[in-house]
Amino acid sequence: MQELTLYSTWGCHLCEQAEALLADAGMAFAVVDIIDDEQLMQRFRVHIPVLAAGDALLYWPFDAVSVAGFLQNAQVLQNTQGDNTQGLKDTK
C-alpha cells in the first residue's frame, strides 16, 4: 500500500474531521502541516485537508467510500506508471 499523507494545519476543523475519518478507518498516514512550508501553503491553503497517496491527491470533502476509491485509483496509477511519474495527479 502507498504511504498516505494528510496535508493539514492547526485549528482547521475540516482537517480534524479528515484525520478522525482516516484514524477510524484504521489507516496509517502522516500529517503534514502546510504552515511549515511556503510552497505547500501556496498550493493547498484554500483546499485543505488534502489526502495524498504517492502522486495522487484527493481534496476535501471525502468520506470512507471516496477514500477507498481514491486509493484504488492511486494504486492503478502507480502500477501503470511506475515510479517515473511527473507532477501530481489531482482528484477533485
PDB file of N, CA and C in Angstrom:
ATOM      1  N   MET A   1       0.835  -1.181   0.000  1.00  0.00           N
ATOM      2  CA  MET A   1       0.000   0.000   0.000  1.00  0.00           C
ATOM      3  C   MET A   1       0.881   1.245   0.000  1.00  0.00           C
ATOM      4  N   GLN A   2       0.412   2.276  -0.678  1.00  0.00           N
ATOM      5  CA  GLN A   2       1.165   3.517  -0.740  1.00  0.00           C
ATOM      6  C   GLN A   2       1.091   4.263   0.587  1.00  0.00           C
ATOM      7  N   GLU A   3       2.117   5.033   0.848  1.00  0.00           N
ATOM      8  CA  GLU A   3       2.125   5.876   2.029  1.00  0.00           C
ATOM      9  C   GLU A   3       1.122   7.007   1.840  1.00  0.00           C
ATOM     10  N   LEU A   4       0.337   7.268   2.867  1.00  0.00           N
ATOM     11  CA  LEU A   4      -0.661   8.329   2.818  1.00  0.00           C
ATOM     12  C   LEU A   4      -0.171   9.540   3.591  1.00  0.00           C
ATOM     13  N   THR A   5      -0.441  10.720   3.033  1.00  0.00           N
ATOM     14  CA  THR A   5      -0.109  11.975   3.688  1.00  0.00           C
ATOM     15  C   THR A   5      -1.357  12.836   3.716  1.00  0.00           C
ATOM     16  N   LEU A   6      -1.665  13.382   4.878  1.00  0.00           N
ATOM     17  CA  LEU A   6      -2.772  14.315   5.016  1.00  0.00           C
ATOM     18  C   LEU A   6      -2.187  15.706   5.195  1.00  0.00           C
ATOM     19  N   TYR A   7      -2.418  16.573   4.206  1.00  0.00           N
ATOM     20  CA  TYR A   7      -1.984  17.965   4.308  1.00  0.00           C
ATOM     21  C   TYR A   7      -3.042  18.715   5.100  1.00  0.00           C
ATOM     22  N   SER A   8      -2.584  19.425   6.120  1.00  0.00           N
ATOM     23  CA  SER A   8      -3.478  19.966   7.130  1.00  0.00           C
ATOM     24  C   SER A   8      -2.845  21.206   7.735  1.00  0.00           C
ATOM     25  N   THR A   9      -3.522  21.793   8.707  1.00  0.00           N
ATOM     26  CA  THR A   9      -2.918  22.814   9.546  1.00  0.00           C
ATOM     27  C   THR A   9      -3.653  22.865  10.871  1.00  0.00           C
ATOM     28  N   TRP A  10      -3.005  23.422  11.859  1.00  0.00           N
ATOM     29  CA  TRP A  10      -3.575  23.520  13.192  1.00  0.00           C
ATOM     30  C   TRP A  10      -4.805  24.425  13.173  1.00  0.00           C
ATOM     31  N   GLY A  11      -5.836  24.019  13.909  1.00  0.00           N
ATOM     32  CA  GLY A  11      -7.032  24.842  14.022  1.00  0.00           C
ATOM     33  C   GLY A  11      -8.026  24.684  12.888  1.00  0.00           C
ATOM     34  N   CYS A  12      -7.780  23.777  11.980  1.00  0.00           N
ATOM     35  CA  CYS A  12      -8.666  23.532  10.834  1.00  0.00           C
ATOM     36  C   CYS A  12      -9.645  22.423  11.217  1.00  0.00           C
ATOM     37  N   HIS A  13     -10.914  22.778  11.432  1.00  0.00           N
ATOM     38  CA  HIS A  13     -11.877  21.766  11.876  1.00  0.00           C
ATOM     39  C   HIS A  13     -12.143  20.715  10.807  1.00  0.00           C
ATOM     40  N   LEU A  14     -12.059  21.083   9.535  1.00  0.00           N
ATOM     41  CA  LEU A  14     -12.223  20.096   8.463  1.00  0.00           C
ATOM     42  C   LEU A  14     -11.056  19.112   8.465  1.00  0.00           C
ATOM     43  N   CYS A  15      -9.865  19.619   8.756  1.00  0.00           N
ATOM     44  CA  CYS A  15      -8.686  18.751   8.842  1.00  0.00           C
ATOM     45  C   CYS A  15      -8.838  17.761   9.992  1.00  0.00           C
ATOM     46  N   GLU A  16      -9.379  18.234  11.098  1.00  0.00           N
ATOM     47  CA  GLU A  16      -9.618  17.350  12.240  1.00  0.00           C
ATOM     48  C   GLU A  16     -10.622  16.260  11.874  1.00  0.00           C
ATOM     49  N   GLN A  17     -11.657  16.622  11.101  1.00  0.00           N
ATOM     50  CA  GLN A  17     -12.636  15.625  10.652  1.00  0.00           C
ATOM     51  C   GLN A  17     -11.980  14.594   9.741  1.00  0.00           C
ATOM     52  N   ALA A  18     -11.138  15.061   8.824  1.00  0.00           N
ATOM     53  CA  ALA A  18     -10.453  14.152   7.900  1.00  0.00           C
ATOM     54  C   ALA A  18      -9.520  13.216   8.663  1.00  0.00           C
ATOM     55  N   GLU A  19      -8.798  13.765   9.622  1.00  0.00           N
ATOM     56  CA  GLU A  19      -7.877  12.951  10.424  1.00  0.00           C
ATOM     57  C   GLU A  19      -8.644  11.883  11.208  1.00  0.00           C
ATOM     58  N   ALA A  20      -9.784  12.256  11.784  1.00  0.00           N
ATOM     59  CA  ALA A  20     -10.605  11.296  12.528  1.00  0.00           C
ATOM     60  C   ALA A  20     -11.155  10.214  11.603  1.00  0.00           C
ATOM     61  N   LEU A  21     -11.578  10.598  10.408  1.00  0.00           N
ATOM     62  CA  LEU A  21     -12.093   9.638   9.433  1.00  0.00           C
ATOM     63  C   LEU A  21     -11.040   8.591   9.092  1.00  0.00           C
ATOM     64  N   LEU A  22      -9.824   9.042   8.809  1.00  0.00           N
ATOM     65  CA  LEU A  22      -8.738   8.126   8.454  1.00  0.00           C
ATOM     66  C   LEU A  22      -8.351   7.249   9.645  1.00  0.00           C
ATOM     67  N   ALA A  23      -8.289   7.847  10.827  1.00  0.00           N
ATOM     68  CA  ALA A  23      -7.935   7.080  12.026  1.00  0.00           C
ATOM     69  C   ALA A  23      -9.006   6.036  12.341  1.00  0.00           C
ATOM     70  N   ASP A  24     -10.273   6.424  12.230  1.00  0.00           N
ATOM     71  CA  ASP A  24     -11.372   5.486  12.498  1.00  0.00           C
ATOM     72  C   ASP A  24     -11.370   4.322  11.520  1.00  0.00           C
ATOM     73  N   ALA A  25     -10.882   4.573  10.300  1.00  0.00           N
ATOM     74  CA  ALA A  25     -10.807   3.520   9.285  1.00  0.00           C
ATOM     75  C   ALA A  25      -9.566   2.653   9.473  1.00  0.00           C
ATOM     76  N   GLY A  26      -8.722   2.997  10.453  1.00  0.00           N
ATOM     77  CA  GLY A  26      -7.525   2.213  10.730  1.00  0.00           C
ATOM     78  C   GLY A  26      -6.412   2.422   9.723  1.00  0.00           C
ATOM     79  N   MET A  27      -6.440   3.553   9.032  1.00  0.00           N
ATOM     80  CA  MET A  27      -5.413   3.833   8.024  1.00  0.00           C
ATOM     81  C   MET A  27      -4.198   4.483   8.667  1.00  0.00           C
ATOM     82  N   ALA A  28      -3.022   4.062   8.224  1.00  0.00           N
ATOM     83  CA  ALA A  28      -1.781   4.693   8.658  1.00  0.00           C
ATOM     84  C   ALA A  28      -1.513   5.872   7.730  1.00  0.00           C
ATOM     85  N   PHE A  29      -1.222   7.029   8.309  1.00  0.00           N
ATOM     86  CA  PHE A  29      -0.977   8.211   7.495  1.00  0.00           C
ATOM     87  C   PHE A  29      -0.100   9.185   8.266  1.00  0.00           C
ATOM     88  N   ALA A  30       0.598  10.018   7.521  1.00  0.00           N
ATOM     89  CA  ALA A  30       1.401  11.085   8.109  1.00  0.00           C
ATOM     90  C   ALA A  30       0.636  12.391   7.942  1.00  0.00           C
ATOM     91  N   VAL A  31       0.741  13.258   8.926  1.00  0.00           N
ATOM     92  CA  VAL A  31       0.119  14.576   8.842  1.00  0.00           C
ATOM     93  C   VAL A  31       1.222  15.597   8.594  1.00  0.00           C
ATOM     94  N   VAL A  32       1.039  16.412   7.560  1.00  0.00           N
ATOM     95  CA  VAL A  32       1.992  17.470   7.243  1.00  0.00           C
ATOM     96  C   VAL A  32       1.273  18.804   7.400  1.00  0.00           C
ATOM     97  N   ASP A  33       1.804  19.656   8.278  1.00  0.00           N
ATOM     98  CA  ASP A  33       1.237  20.985   8.486  1.00  0.00           C
ATOM     99  C   ASP A  33       1.769  21.904   7.395  1.00  0.00           C
ATOM    100  N   ILE A  34       0.866  22.419   6.577  1.00  0.00           N
ATOM    101  CA  ILE A  34       1.289  23.233   5.433  1.00  0.00           C
ATOM    102  C   ILE A  34       1.886  24.564   5.860  1.00  0.00           C
ATOM    103  N   ILE A  35       1.623  24.995   7.082  1.00  0.00           N
ATOM    104  CA  ILE A  35       2.136  26.276   7.557  1.00  0.00           C
ATOM    105  C   ILE A  35       3.664  26.283   7.609  1.00  0.00           C
ATOM    106  N   ASP A  36       4.268  25.095   7.687  1.00  0.00           N
ATOM    107  CA  ASP A  36       5.718  24.980   7.790  1.00  0.00           C
ATOM    108  C   ASP A  36       6.433  25.032   6.446  1.00  0.00           C
ATOM    109  N   ASP A  37       5.681  25.117   5.346  1.00  0.00           N
ATOM    110  CA  ASP A  37       6.285  25.068   4.012  1.00  0.00           C
ATOM    111  C   ASP A  37       5.561  26.056   3.101  1.00  0.00           C
ATOM    112  N   GLU A  38       6.269  27.086   2.659  1.00  0.00           N
ATOM    113  CA  GLU A  38       5.656  28.148   1.848  1.00  0.00           C
ATOM    114  C   GLU A  38       5.034  27.612   0.561  1.00  0.00           C
ATOM    115  N   GLN A  39       5.692  26.659  -0.093  1.00  0.00           N
ATOM    116  CA  GLN A  39       5.140  26.090  -1.329  1.00  0.00           C
ATOM    117  C   GLN A  39       3.846  25.332  -1.059  1.00  0.00           C
ATOM    118  N   LEU A  40       3.822  24.540  -0.003  1.00  0.00           N
ATOM    119  CA  LEU A  40       2.593  23.827   0.355  1.00  0.00           C
ATOM    120  C   LEU A  40       1.500  24.809   0.752  1.00  0.00           C
ATOM    121  N   MET A  41       1.876  25.861   1.457  1.00  0.00           N
ATOM    122  CA  MET A  41       0.913  26.875   1.868  1.00  0.00           C
ATOM    123  C   MET A  41       0.263  27.523   0.646  1.00  0.00           C
ATOM    124  N   GLN A  42       1.069  27.884  -0.341  1.00  0.00           N
ATOM    125  CA  GLN A  42       0.529  28.495  -1.552  1.00  0.00           C
ATOM    126  C   GLN A  42      -0.355  27.522  -2.321  1.00  0.00           C
ATOM    127  N   ARG A  43       0.029  26.281  -2.340  1.00  0.00           N
ATOM    128  CA  ARG A  43      -0.689  25.282  -3.133  1.00  0.00           C
ATOM    129  C   ARG A  43      -2.004  24.835  -2.499  1.00  0.00           C
ATOM    130  N   PHE A  44      -2.003  24.642  -1.174  1.00  0.00           N
ATOM    131  CA  PHE A  44      -3.135  23.991  -0.520  1.00  0.00           C
ATOM    132  C   PHE A  44      -3.934  24.866   0.445  1.00  0.00           C
ATOM    133  N   ARG A  45      -3.539  26.095   0.681  1.00  0.00           N
ATOM    134  CA  ARG A  45      -4.149  26.864   1.771  1.00  0.00           C
ATOM    135  C   ARG A  45      -5.665  26.960   1.706  1.00  0.00           C
ATOM    136  N   VAL A  46      -6.251  27.014   0.530  1.00  0.00           N
ATOM    137  CA  VAL A  46      -7.714  27.085   0.444  1.00  0.00           C
ATOM    138  C   VAL A  46      -8.335  25.731   0.138  1.00  0.00           C
ATOM    139  N   HIS A  47      -7.517  24.689   0.104  1.00  0.00           N
ATOM    140  CA  HIS A  47      -8.009  23.363  -0.263  1.00  0.00           C
ATOM    141  C   HIS A  47      -7.948  22.345   0.866  1.00  0.00           C
ATOM    142  N   ILE A  48      -7.244  22.632   1.951  1.00  0.00           N
ATOM    143  CA  ILE A  48      -7.057  21.618   2.985  1.00  0.00           C
ATOM    144  C   ILE A  48      -8.382  21.260   3.638  1.00  0.00           C
ATOM    145  N   PRO A  49      -8.479  20.027   4.069  1.00  0.00           N
ATOM    146  CA  PRO A  49      -7.489  18.961   4.042  1.00  0.00           C
ATOM    147  C   PRO A  49      -7.370  18.318   2.665  1.00  0.00           C
ATOM    148  N   VAL A  50      -6.162  17.862   2.361  1.00  0.00           N
ATOM    149  CA  VAL A  50      -5.878  17.157   1.111  1.00  0.00           C
ATOM    150  C   VAL A  50      -5.162  15.861   1.477  1.00  0.00           C
ATOM    151  N   LEU A  51      -5.651  14.758   0.922  1.00  0.00           N
ATOM    152  CA  LEU A  51      -5.039  13.453   1.145  1.00  0.00           C
ATOM    153  C   LEU A  51      -4.194  13.105  -0.068  1.00  0.00           C
ATOM    154  N   ALA A  52      -2.954  12.693   0.164  1.00  0.00           N
ATOM    155  CA  ALA A  52      -2.051  12.309  -0.919  1.00  0.00           C
ATOM    156  C   ALA A  52      -1.655  10.850  -0.761  1.00  0.00           C
ATOM    157  N   ALA A  53      -1.673  10.151  -1.892  1.00  0.00           N
ATOM    158  CA  ALA A  53      -1.176   8.769  -1.968  1.00  0.00           C
ATOM    159  C   ALA A  53      -0.220   8.755  -3.145  1.00  0.00           C
ATOM    160  N   GLY A  54       1.075   8.771  -2.849  1.00  0.00           N
ATOM    161  CA  GLY A  54       2.038   8.903  -3.936  1.00  0.00           C
ATOM    162  C   GLY A  54       1.841  10.254  -4.598  1.00  0.00           C
ATOM    163  N   ASP A  55       1.622  10.243  -5.907  1.00  0.00           N
ATOM    164  CA  ASP A  55       1.439  11.478  -6.661  1.00  0.00           C
ATOM    165  C   ASP A  55      -0.022  11.889  -6.804  1.00  0.00           C
ATOM    166  N   ALA A  56      -0.937  11.080  -6.332  1.00  0.00           N
ATOM    167  CA  ALA A  56      -2.368  11.361  -6.479  1.00  0.00           C
ATOM    168  C   ALA A  56      -2.879  12.150  -5.275  1.00  0.00           C
ATOM    169  N   LEU A  57      -3.803  13.076  -5.536  1.00  0.00           N
ATOM    170  CA  LEU A  57      -4.364  13.928  -4.489  1.00  0.00           C
ATOM    171  C   LEU A  57      -5.879  13.789  -4.439  1.00  0.00           C
ATOM    172  N   LEU A  58      -6.415  13.791  -3.226  1.00  0.00           N
ATOM    173  CA  LEU A  58      -7.858  13.783  -3.012  1.00  0.00           C
ATOM    174  C   LEU A  58      -8.198  14.987  -2.140  1.00  0.00           C
ATOM    175  N   TYR A  59      -9.045  15.862  -2.681  1.00  0.00           N
ATOM    176  CA  TYR A  59      -9.428  17.079  -1.972  1.00  0.00           C
ATOM    177  C   TYR A  59     -10.699  16.856  -1.162  1.00  0.00           C
ATOM    178  N   TRP A  60     -10.795  17.542  -0.034  1.00  0.00           N
ATOM    179  CA  TRP A  60     -11.980  17.527   0.809  1.00  0.00           C
ATOM    180  C   TRP A  60     -13.125  18.156   0.051  1.00  0.00           C
ATOM    181  N   PRO A  61     -14.349  17.700   0.169  1.00  0.00           N
ATOM    182  CA  PRO A  61     -14.819  16.718   1.122  1.00  0.00           C
ATOM    183  C   PRO A  61     -14.640  15.289   0.616  1.00  0.00           C
ATOM    184  N   PHE A  62     -14.308  14.387   1.541  1.00  0.00           N
ATOM    185  CA  PHE A  62     -14.250  12.965   1.217  1.00  0.00           C
ATOM    186  C   PHE A  62     -14.752  12.157   2.406  1.00  0.00           C
ATOM    187  N   ASP A  63     -15.187  10.942   2.099  1.00  0.00           N
ATOM    188  CA  ASP A  63     -15.658  10.018   3.124  1.00  0.00           C
ATOM    189  C   ASP A  63     -14.945   8.689   2.924  1.00  0.00           C
ATOM    190  N   ALA A  64     -15.293   7.692   3.719  1.00  0.00           N
ATOM    191  CA  ALA A  64     -14.608   6.397   3.644  1.00  0.00           C
ATOM    192  C   ALA A  64     -14.737   5.767   2.264  1.00  0.00           C
ATOM    193  N   VAL A  65     -15.901   5.906   1.635  1.00  0.00           N
ATOM    194  CA  VAL A  65     -16.116   5.316   0.310  1.00  0.00           C
ATOM    195  C   VAL A  65     -15.253   6.012  -0.739  1.00  0.00           C
ATOM    196  N   SER A  66     -15.219   7.340  -0.720  1.00  0.00           N
ATOM    197  CA  SER A  66     -14.408   8.052  -1.714  1.00  0.00           C
ATOM    198  C   SER A  66     -12.915   7.833  -1.477  1.00  0.00           C
ATOM    199  N   VAL A  67     -12.499   7.680  -0.214  1.00  0.00           N
ATOM    200  CA  VAL A  67     -11.092   7.376   0.073  1.00  0.00           C
ATOM    201  C   VAL A  67     -10.729   6.007  -0.485  1.00  0.00           C
ATOM    202  N   ALA A  68     -11.611   5.025  -0.317  1.00  0.00           N
ATOM    203  CA  ALA A  68     -11.344   3.678  -0.843  1.00  0.00           C
ATOM    204  C   ALA A  68     -11.201   3.712  -2.361  1.00  0.00           C
ATOM    205  N   GLY A  69     -12.088   4.423  -3.043  1.00  0.00           N
ATOM    206  CA  GLY A  69     -11.991   4.548  -4.499  1.00  0.00           C
ATOM    207  C   GLY A  69     -10.733   5.282  -4.920  1.00  0.00           C
ATOM    208  N   PHE A  70     -10.391   6.335  -4.185  1.00  0.00           N
ATOM    209  CA  PHE A  70      -9.175   7.096  -4.453  1.00  0.00           C
ATOM    210  C   PHE A  70      -7.936   6.215  -4.335  1.00  0.00           C
ATOM    211  N   LEU A  71      -7.877   5.409  -3.270  1.00  0.00           N
ATOM    212  CA  LEU A  71      -6.719   4.538  -3.069  1.00  0.00           C
ATOM    213  C   LEU A  71      -6.625   3.481  -4.161  1.00  0.00           C
ATOM    214  N   GLN A  72      -7.767   2.986  -4.609  1.00  0.00           N
ATOM    215  CA  GLN A  72      -7.768   2.023  -5.710  1.00  0.00           C
ATOM    216  C   GLN A  72      -7.222   2.676  -6.981  1.00  0.00           C
ATOM    217  N   ASN A  73      -7.685   3.885  -7.296  1.00  0.00           N
ATOM    218  CA  ASN A  73      -7.195   4.607  -8.472  1.00  0.00           C
ATOM    219  C   ASN A  73      -5.716   4.940  -8.347  1.00  0.00           C
ATOM    220  N   ALA A  74      -5.281   5.343  -7.160  1.00  0.00           N
ATOM    221  CA  ALA A  74      -3.871   5.675  -6.944  1.00  0.00           C
ATOM    222  C   ALA A  74      -2.998   4.448  -7.161  1.00  0.00           C
ATOM    223  N   GLN A  75      -3.468   3.286  -6.732  1.00  0.00           N
ATOM    224  CA  GLN A  75      -2.715   2.044  -6.924  1.00  0.00           C
ATOM    225  C   GLN A  75      -2.626   1.704  -8.403  1.00  0.00           C
ATOM    226  N   VAL A  76      -3.717   1.894  -9.131  1.00  0.00           N
ATOM    227  CA  VAL A  76      -3.719   1.639 -10.577  1.00  0.00           C
ATOM    228  C   VAL A  76      -2.734   2.568 -11.268  1.00  0.00           C
ATOM    229  N   LEU A  77      -2.730   3.854 -10.893  1.00  0.00           N
ATOM    230  CA  LEU A  77      -1.787   4.811 -11.481  1.00  0.00           C
ATOM    231  C   LEU A  77      -0.351   4.392 -11.213  1.00  0.00           C
ATOM    232  N   GLN A  78      -0.078   3.967  -9.985  1.00  0.00           N
ATOM    233  CA  GLN A  78       1.279   3.548  -9.633  1.00  0.00           C
ATOM    234  C   GLN A  78       1.688   2.329 -10.452  1.00  0.00           C
ATOM    235  N   ASN A  79       0.788   1.376 -10.608  1.00  0.00           N
ATOM    236  CA  ASN A  79       1.107   0.155 -11.345  1.00  0.00           C
ATOM    237  C   ASN A  79       1.331   0.415 -12.824  1.00  0.00           C
ATOM    238  N   THR A  80       0.622   1.379 -13.409  1.00  0.00           N
ATOM    239  CA  THR A  80       0.763   1.630 -14.841  1.00  0.00           C
ATOM    240  C   THR A  80       1.890   2.595 -15.159  1.00  0.00           C
ATOM    241  N   GLN A  81       2.261   3.449 -14.197  1.00  0.00           N
ATOM    242  CA  GLN A  81       3.275   4.462 -14.464  1.00  0.00           C
ATOM    243  C   GLN A  81       4.577   4.226 -13.722  1.00  0.00           C
ATOM    244  N   GLY A  82       4.586   3.345 -12.767  1.00  0.00           N
ATOM    245  CA  GLY A  82       5.803   3.093 -12.006  1.00  0.00           C
ATOM    246  C   GLY A  82       6.201   4.298 -11.190  1.00  0.00           C
ATOM    247  N   ASP A  83       7.459   4.391 -10.882  1.00  0.00           N
ATOM    248  CA  ASP A  83       7.955   5.488 -10.060  1.00  0.00           C
ATOM    249  C   ASP A  83       8.418   6.675 -10.884  1.00  0.00           C
ATOM    250  N   ASN A  84       8.196   6.679 -12.182  1.00  0.00           N
ATOM    251  CA  ASN A  84       8.686   7.738 -13.049  1.00  0.00           C
ATOM    252  C   ASN A  84       7.620   8.765 -13.380  1.00  0.00           C
ATOM    253  N   THR A  85       6.646   8.982 -12.501  1.00  0.00           N
ATOM    254  CA  THR A  85       5.588   9.943 -12.769  1.00  0.00           C
ATOM    255  C   THR A  85       6.128  11.357 -12.642  1.00  0.00           C
ATOM    256  N   GLN A  86       5.567  12.246 -13.432  1.00  0.00           N
ATOM    257  CA  GLN A  86       5.946  13.652 -13.388  1.00  0.00           C
ATOM    258  C   GLN A  86       4.752  14.451 -12.900  1.00  0.00           C
ATOM    259  N   GLY A  87       4.932  15.246 -11.861  1.00  0.00           N
ATOM    260  CA  GLY A  87       3.851  16.072 -11.351  1.00  0.00           C
ATOM    261  C   GLY A  87       2.868  15.279 -10.520  1.00  0.00           C
ATOM    262  N   LEU A  88       1.863  15.960 -10.050  1.00  0.00           N
ATOM    263  CA  LEU A  88       0.850  15.326  -9.218  1.00  0.00           C
ATOM    264  C   LEU A  88      -0.451  15.227  -9.985  1.00  0.00           C
ATOM    265  N   LYS A  89      -1.147  14.130  -9.793  1.00  0.00           N
ATOM    266  CA  LYS A  89      -2.445  13.940 -10.414  1.00  0.00           C
ATOM    267  C   LYS A  89      -3.502  14.364  -9.418  1.00  0.00           C
ATOM    268  N   ASP A  90      -4.309  15.345  -9.761  1.00  0.00           N
ATOM    269  CA  ASP A  90      -5.330  15.859  -8.861  1.00  0.00           C
ATOM    270  C   ASP A  90      -6.640  15.124  -9.060  1.00  0.00           C
ATOM    271  N   THR A  91      -7.285  14.771  -7.956  1.00  0.00           N
ATOM    272  CA  THR A  91      -8.599  14.140  -7.973  1.00  0.00           C
ATOM    273  C   THR A  91      -9.542  15.057  -7.228  1.00  0.00           C
ATOM    274  N   LYS A  92     -10.444  15.687  -7.946  1.00  0.00           N
ATOM    275  CA  LYS A  92     -11.404  16.605  -7.309  1.00  0.00           C
ATOM    276  C   LYS A  92     -12.787  16.057  -7.463  1.00  0.00           C
TER     277      LYS A  92
END
